[in-house]
N, C-alpha and C. Protein backbone atom coordinates (compact mmCIF):
# COMPACT_ATOMS: atom_id res chain seq x y z
N MET A 1 110.11 112.18 125.74
CA MET A 1 110.14 112.98 124.26
C MET A 1 108.86 112.73 123.32
N LYS A 2 108.89 113.37 122.23
CA LYS A 2 108.19 113.17 121.19
C LYS A 2 107.88 111.67 120.65
N SER A 3 106.80 111.16 120.17
CA SER A 3 106.55 109.75 119.66
C SER A 3 107.30 109.68 118.47
N GLU A 4 108.02 108.54 117.89
CA GLU A 4 108.64 108.60 116.81
C GLU A 4 107.93 108.91 115.38
N LYS A 5 106.45 108.67 115.46
CA LYS A 5 105.72 108.96 114.58
C LYS A 5 105.52 110.43 114.23
N SER A 6 105.31 111.00 115.36
CA SER A 6 105.27 112.69 114.97
C SER A 6 106.50 113.22 114.82
N LYS A 7 107.54 112.71 115.27
CA LYS A 7 109.03 113.18 115.21
C LYS A 7 109.08 113.34 113.75
N ASN A 8 108.88 112.27 113.05
CA ASN A 8 109.15 111.87 111.52
C ASN A 8 108.41 112.73 110.78
N ILE A 9 107.13 112.95 111.07
CA ILE A 9 106.34 113.80 110.23
C ILE A 9 107.01 115.43 110.46
N LEU A 10 107.35 115.90 111.42
CA LEU A 10 108.18 116.98 111.48
C LEU A 10 109.40 117.10 110.65
N ARG A 11 110.23 116.00 111.09
CA ARG A 11 111.34 115.83 110.15
C ARG A 11 111.09 115.83 108.61
N ASP A 12 110.27 115.12 108.25
CA ASP A 12 109.95 114.86 106.86
C ASP A 12 109.20 116.19 106.08
N LYS A 13 108.23 117.06 106.80
CA LYS A 13 107.75 118.22 106.39
C LYS A 13 108.77 119.09 106.38
N SER A 14 109.61 119.29 107.52
CA SER A 14 110.70 120.50 107.45
C SER A 14 111.84 120.29 106.24
N TYR A 15 112.18 119.05 105.99
CA TYR A 15 112.91 118.48 105.00
C TYR A 15 112.62 119.19 103.60
N ALA A 16 111.33 118.76 103.30
CA ALA A 16 110.66 118.85 102.12
C ALA A 16 110.39 120.45 101.98
N PHE A 17 110.09 121.12 102.99
CA PHE A 17 110.04 122.69 102.85
C PHE A 17 111.57 123.08 102.69
N ALA A 18 112.56 122.78 103.49
CA ALA A 18 113.93 123.30 102.86
C ALA A 18 113.93 122.83 101.53
N ILE A 19 113.53 121.92 100.71
CA ILE A 19 114.13 121.54 99.63
C ILE A 19 113.32 122.74 98.28
N LYS A 20 112.36 123.13 98.96
CA LYS A 20 111.32 124.40 98.45
C LYS A 20 112.26 125.53 98.33
N ILE A 21 112.68 125.85 99.67
CA ILE A 21 113.25 126.96 99.82
C ILE A 21 114.66 127.00 99.29
N VAL A 22 115.33 125.87 99.05
CA VAL A 22 116.59 126.14 98.27
C VAL A 22 116.32 126.52 96.88
N ARG A 23 115.30 125.70 96.28
CA ARG A 23 114.82 126.10 94.70
C ARG A 23 114.38 127.36 94.58
N LEU A 24 113.60 127.95 95.53
CA LEU A 24 113.17 129.29 95.68
C LEU A 24 114.51 130.26 95.62
N SER A 25 115.22 129.88 96.44
CA SER A 25 116.58 131.00 96.54
C SER A 25 117.51 130.80 95.38
N GLN A 26 117.61 129.35 94.75
CA GLN A 26 118.26 129.61 93.27
C GLN A 26 117.63 130.24 92.44
N SER A 27 116.11 130.16 92.28
CA SER A 27 115.40 130.87 91.39
C SER A 27 115.56 132.43 91.36
N LEU A 28 115.49 132.90 92.70
CA LEU A 28 115.81 134.28 93.22
C LEU A 28 116.87 135.03 92.73
N VAL A 29 117.92 134.18 92.46
CA VAL A 29 119.21 134.29 92.22
C VAL A 29 119.63 134.56 90.71
N SER A 30 118.90 133.33 90.22
CA SER A 30 119.27 133.04 88.49
C SER A 30 118.30 133.91 87.72
N GLU A 31 117.30 134.18 88.18
CA GLU A 31 116.23 134.99 87.28
C GLU A 31 116.02 136.26 87.70
N ASN A 32 116.34 136.67 88.97
CA ASN A 32 115.81 137.84 89.46
C ASN A 32 117.19 138.55 89.94
N LYS A 33 118.31 137.83 89.94
CA LYS A 33 119.68 138.56 90.65
C LYS A 33 119.50 138.92 91.73
N GLU A 34 118.51 138.42 92.69
CA GLU A 34 118.32 138.83 94.07
C GLU A 34 119.37 138.07 95.02
N PHE A 35 120.11 138.84 95.75
CA PHE A 35 121.15 137.93 96.59
C PHE A 35 120.93 138.29 97.89
N VAL A 36 120.47 139.49 98.56
CA VAL A 36 120.36 139.51 99.89
C VAL A 36 119.01 139.03 100.69
N LEU A 37 117.95 139.17 99.82
CA LEU A 37 116.66 138.28 100.40
C LEU A 37 116.79 136.91 100.38
N SER A 38 117.42 136.28 99.12
CA SER A 38 117.51 134.93 98.98
C SER A 38 118.08 134.26 99.79
N ARG A 39 119.54 134.97 100.55
CA ARG A 39 120.36 134.33 101.44
C ARG A 39 119.65 134.22 102.44
N GLN A 40 118.78 135.23 103.04
CA GLN A 40 117.93 135.40 104.21
C GLN A 40 117.06 134.49 104.13
N VAL A 41 116.36 134.17 103.39
CA VAL A 41 115.18 133.22 103.31
C VAL A 41 115.65 131.78 103.28
N LEU A 42 117.02 131.44 102.55
CA LEU A 42 117.49 130.39 102.49
C LEU A 42 117.93 130.25 103.78
N ARG A 43 118.78 131.06 104.54
CA ARG A 43 119.15 130.68 105.94
C ARG A 43 118.10 130.24 107.01
N SER A 44 117.23 130.88 107.12
CA SER A 44 116.01 130.61 108.02
C SER A 44 115.28 129.41 107.50
N GLY A 45 114.99 129.31 106.46
CA GLY A 45 114.10 128.18 105.82
C GLY A 45 114.68 126.93 105.81
N THR A 46 116.00 126.79 105.64
CA THR A 46 116.56 125.44 105.94
C THR A 46 116.94 125.04 107.33
N ALA A 47 117.06 126.10 108.19
CA ALA A 47 117.29 126.19 109.73
C ALA A 47 116.15 125.56 110.42
N ILE A 48 115.22 125.44 109.75
CA ILE A 48 113.86 124.90 110.76
C ILE A 48 114.30 123.45 110.64
N GLY A 49 114.41 122.67 109.61
CA GLY A 49 114.81 121.26 109.58
C GLY A 49 116.03 120.82 110.33
N ALA A 50 117.09 121.67 109.91
CA ALA A 50 118.24 121.50 110.64
C ALA A 50 118.31 121.35 112.09
N LEU A 51 117.48 122.24 112.77
CA LEU A 51 117.33 122.34 114.10
C LEU A 51 116.49 121.02 114.51
N VAL A 52 115.22 120.88 113.64
CA VAL A 52 114.62 119.48 114.16
C VAL A 52 115.52 118.29 114.09
N ARG A 53 116.55 118.12 113.19
CA ARG A 53 117.31 116.96 113.05
C ARG A 53 118.41 117.04 114.40
N GLU A 54 118.68 118.15 114.51
CA GLU A 54 119.69 118.19 115.73
C GLU A 54 118.83 117.89 117.11
N SER A 55 117.54 118.15 117.01
CA SER A 55 116.93 118.03 118.31
C SER A 55 116.57 116.41 118.58
N GLU A 56 116.90 115.61 117.65
CA GLU A 56 116.75 114.09 117.93
C GLU A 56 118.10 113.62 118.56
N PHE A 57 119.07 114.37 118.93
CA PHE A 57 120.17 113.94 119.55
C PHE A 57 120.44 115.02 120.68
N ALA A 58 119.32 115.47 121.17
CA ALA A 58 119.43 116.28 122.22
C ALA A 58 120.04 115.78 123.66
N ALA A 59 120.80 116.51 123.96
CA ALA A 59 121.27 116.03 125.47
C ALA A 59 120.21 115.83 126.71
N SER A 60 119.23 116.38 126.67
CA SER A 60 118.03 116.21 127.91
C SER A 60 116.93 116.91 127.10
N LYS A 61 115.79 116.68 127.97
CA LYS A 61 114.42 117.06 127.43
C LYS A 61 114.54 118.95 127.17
N ALA A 62 115.32 119.73 128.24
CA ALA A 62 115.42 120.89 128.03
C ALA A 62 115.94 121.30 126.76
N ASP A 63 117.05 120.68 126.44
CA ASP A 63 117.98 120.85 125.26
C ASP A 63 116.80 120.53 124.05
N PHE A 64 116.15 119.42 124.21
CA PHE A 64 115.10 119.14 122.88
C PHE A 64 114.33 120.18 122.75
N ILE A 65 113.49 120.55 124.05
CA ILE A 65 112.84 121.83 123.87
C ILE A 65 113.48 123.02 123.15
N ASN A 66 114.67 123.57 123.83
CA ASN A 66 115.14 124.36 123.15
C ASN A 66 115.33 124.44 121.64
N LYS A 67 116.19 123.20 121.25
CA LYS A 67 116.09 122.91 119.71
C LYS A 67 114.88 123.43 119.02
N LEU A 68 113.73 122.79 119.35
CA LEU A 68 112.23 123.21 118.75
C LEU A 68 112.07 124.64 118.87
N THR A 69 112.02 125.23 120.02
CA THR A 69 111.88 126.36 120.02
C THR A 69 112.90 127.39 119.06
N VAL A 70 114.13 127.25 118.95
CA VAL A 70 114.88 127.67 117.95
C VAL A 70 114.34 127.61 116.66
N SER A 71 113.97 126.21 116.40
CA SER A 71 113.44 126.01 114.91
C SER A 71 112.00 126.76 114.93
N LEU A 72 111.24 126.91 115.76
CA LEU A 72 109.93 127.51 115.50
C LEU A 72 110.28 129.07 115.34
N LYS A 73 111.29 129.63 116.11
CA LYS A 73 111.88 130.94 115.53
C LYS A 73 112.09 131.25 114.23
N GLU A 74 112.89 130.32 113.69
CA GLU A 74 113.34 130.32 112.31
C GLU A 74 112.19 130.21 111.38
N ALA A 75 111.23 129.30 111.68
CA ALA A 75 109.92 129.43 110.83
C ALA A 75 109.23 130.70 110.93
N ASN A 76 109.17 131.15 111.81
CA ASN A 76 108.56 132.55 112.00
C ASN A 76 109.22 133.47 111.18
N GLU A 77 110.55 133.35 111.13
CA GLU A 77 111.49 134.33 110.58
C GLU A 77 111.09 134.22 109.00
N THR A 78 111.15 132.82 108.68
CA THR A 78 111.04 132.36 107.18
C THR A 78 109.71 132.99 106.77
N GLU A 79 108.57 132.89 107.57
CA GLU A 79 107.42 133.66 107.30
C GLU A 79 107.36 134.91 106.62
N TYR A 80 108.47 135.36 107.66
CA TYR A 80 108.74 137.24 107.30
C TYR A 80 109.32 137.34 105.88
N TRP A 81 110.20 136.42 105.66
CA TRP A 81 111.08 136.66 104.50
C TRP A 81 110.05 136.39 103.46
N LEU A 82 109.32 135.47 103.24
CA LEU A 82 108.35 135.03 102.40
C LEU A 82 107.41 136.19 102.08
N MET A 83 106.91 136.74 103.26
CA MET A 83 105.99 137.81 102.94
C MET A 83 106.54 139.27 102.22
N LEU A 84 107.90 139.40 102.88
CA LEU A 84 108.48 140.51 102.08
C LEU A 84 108.85 140.21 100.83
N LEU A 85 109.20 139.01 100.19
CA LEU A 85 109.49 138.55 98.84
C LEU A 85 108.15 138.81 98.05
N HIS A 86 107.23 138.33 98.80
CA HIS A 86 105.94 138.39 97.85
C HIS A 86 105.77 140.08 97.88
N ASP A 87 105.58 140.77 99.06
CA ASP A 87 105.05 142.40 98.65
C ASP A 87 106.15 142.85 98.03
N THR A 88 107.15 142.60 97.88
CA THR A 88 108.26 143.34 96.86
C THR A 88 108.20 142.53 95.49
N ASP A 89 107.24 141.97 94.94
CA ASP A 89 107.03 141.40 93.69
C ASP A 89 108.21 140.42 93.41
N TYR A 90 108.95 139.71 94.17
CA TYR A 90 109.86 138.67 93.86
C TYR A 90 109.22 137.28 93.70
N LEU A 91 108.16 137.09 94.55
CA LEU A 91 107.44 135.93 94.71
C LEU A 91 106.01 135.95 94.40
N PRO A 92 105.64 135.16 93.44
CA PRO A 92 104.19 135.15 92.87
C PRO A 92 103.32 134.67 93.91
N THR A 93 102.19 135.50 93.87
CA THR A 93 100.95 135.13 94.74
C THR A 93 100.83 133.48 95.18
N THR A 94 100.77 132.83 94.10
CA THR A 94 100.57 131.10 94.33
C THR A 94 101.49 130.63 94.56
N GLU A 95 102.83 131.06 94.39
CA GLU A 95 103.96 130.14 95.13
C GLU A 95 103.84 130.64 96.62
N PHE A 96 103.85 131.89 96.68
CA PHE A 96 103.66 132.58 98.29
C PHE A 96 102.67 131.79 98.97
N GLU A 97 101.65 131.60 98.61
CA GLU A 97 100.55 131.11 99.37
C GLU A 97 100.87 129.75 99.80
N THR A 98 101.71 129.03 98.68
CA THR A 98 101.74 127.72 98.99
C THR A 98 102.80 127.47 100.08
N LEU A 99 104.00 128.35 99.81
CA LEU A 99 105.15 128.40 100.65
C LEU A 99 104.83 128.65 102.12
N GLN A 100 103.88 129.83 102.33
CA GLN A 100 103.26 130.25 103.35
C GLN A 100 102.40 129.29 104.28
N PHE A 101 101.76 128.51 103.67
CA PHE A 101 100.85 127.52 104.14
C PHE A 101 101.68 126.48 104.58
N GLU A 102 102.78 125.88 104.03
CA GLU A 102 103.46 125.03 104.69
C GLU A 102 104.39 125.57 105.75
N CYS A 103 104.56 126.72 105.61
CA CYS A 103 105.64 127.46 106.84
C CYS A 103 104.57 127.41 108.04
N LYS A 104 103.30 127.93 107.83
CA LYS A 104 102.57 127.89 108.97
C LYS A 104 102.14 126.43 109.40
N VAL A 105 102.04 125.41 108.79
CA VAL A 105 101.92 123.86 109.18
C VAL A 105 103.06 123.48 110.07
N LEU A 106 104.34 124.10 109.50
CA LEU A 106 105.34 123.58 110.58
C LEU A 106 105.48 124.45 111.86
N ILE A 107 105.19 125.68 111.59
CA ILE A 107 104.76 126.60 112.92
C ILE A 107 103.84 125.86 113.87
N ALA A 108 102.68 125.53 113.44
CA ALA A 108 101.62 124.89 114.27
C ALA A 108 101.90 123.56 114.83
N ILE A 109 102.95 122.85 114.02
CA ILE A 109 103.42 121.53 114.69
C ILE A 109 104.34 121.80 115.61
N LEU A 110 105.31 122.75 115.31
CA LEU A 110 106.44 123.15 116.42
C LEU A 110 105.56 123.49 117.67
N VAL A 111 104.67 124.48 117.73
CA VAL A 111 103.97 124.98 118.88
C VAL A 111 103.53 124.01 119.51
N SER A 112 102.60 122.85 118.86
CA SER A 112 101.87 121.76 119.61
C SER A 112 102.96 120.95 120.31
N SER A 113 103.95 120.86 119.69
CA SER A 113 105.07 119.72 120.06
C SER A 113 105.68 120.32 121.24
N ILE A 114 105.81 121.85 121.32
CA ILE A 114 106.70 122.39 122.56
C ILE A 114 105.75 122.52 123.62
N LYS A 115 104.53 123.00 123.48
CA LYS A 115 103.40 122.85 124.22
C LYS A 115 103.42 121.48 125.14
N THR A 116 103.18 120.33 124.02
CA THR A 116 103.25 119.07 124.87
C THR A 116 104.42 118.87 125.85
N LEU A 117 105.71 119.11 125.14
CA LEU A 117 106.70 118.72 126.14
C LEU A 117 106.99 119.29 127.03
N LYS A 118 106.38 120.60 127.38
CA LYS A 118 106.56 121.34 128.58
C LYS A 118 105.38 121.12 129.72
N LYS A 119 104.82 120.19 129.27
CA LYS A 119 103.50 119.48 130.37
C LYS A 119 104.14 118.78 131.33
């Protein structure tokens, strides 16, 4: 499985991203009274880190890969919701660009990790 150092990077980055997503969702609800999209981005954006944490206690290598693969799918979905929020004027460009960049970093780490594990 992955080294402890790379696992911690993914765990730390996905947790920090989840915090930003929670704050975004809170802001969308309190400032814009936007409930549907905020729930969607909250669910997928926090699931990334939750699945990474689940993977740490995977029953097998296949289970580990599966958890990271589902986390990757959640990251991809989160990017979709961020784009939709931006394109519907709920998310300012600077905040969108920051969150999208962090989401793309998570996607890149997950893709690299999964490819390495499948070798």
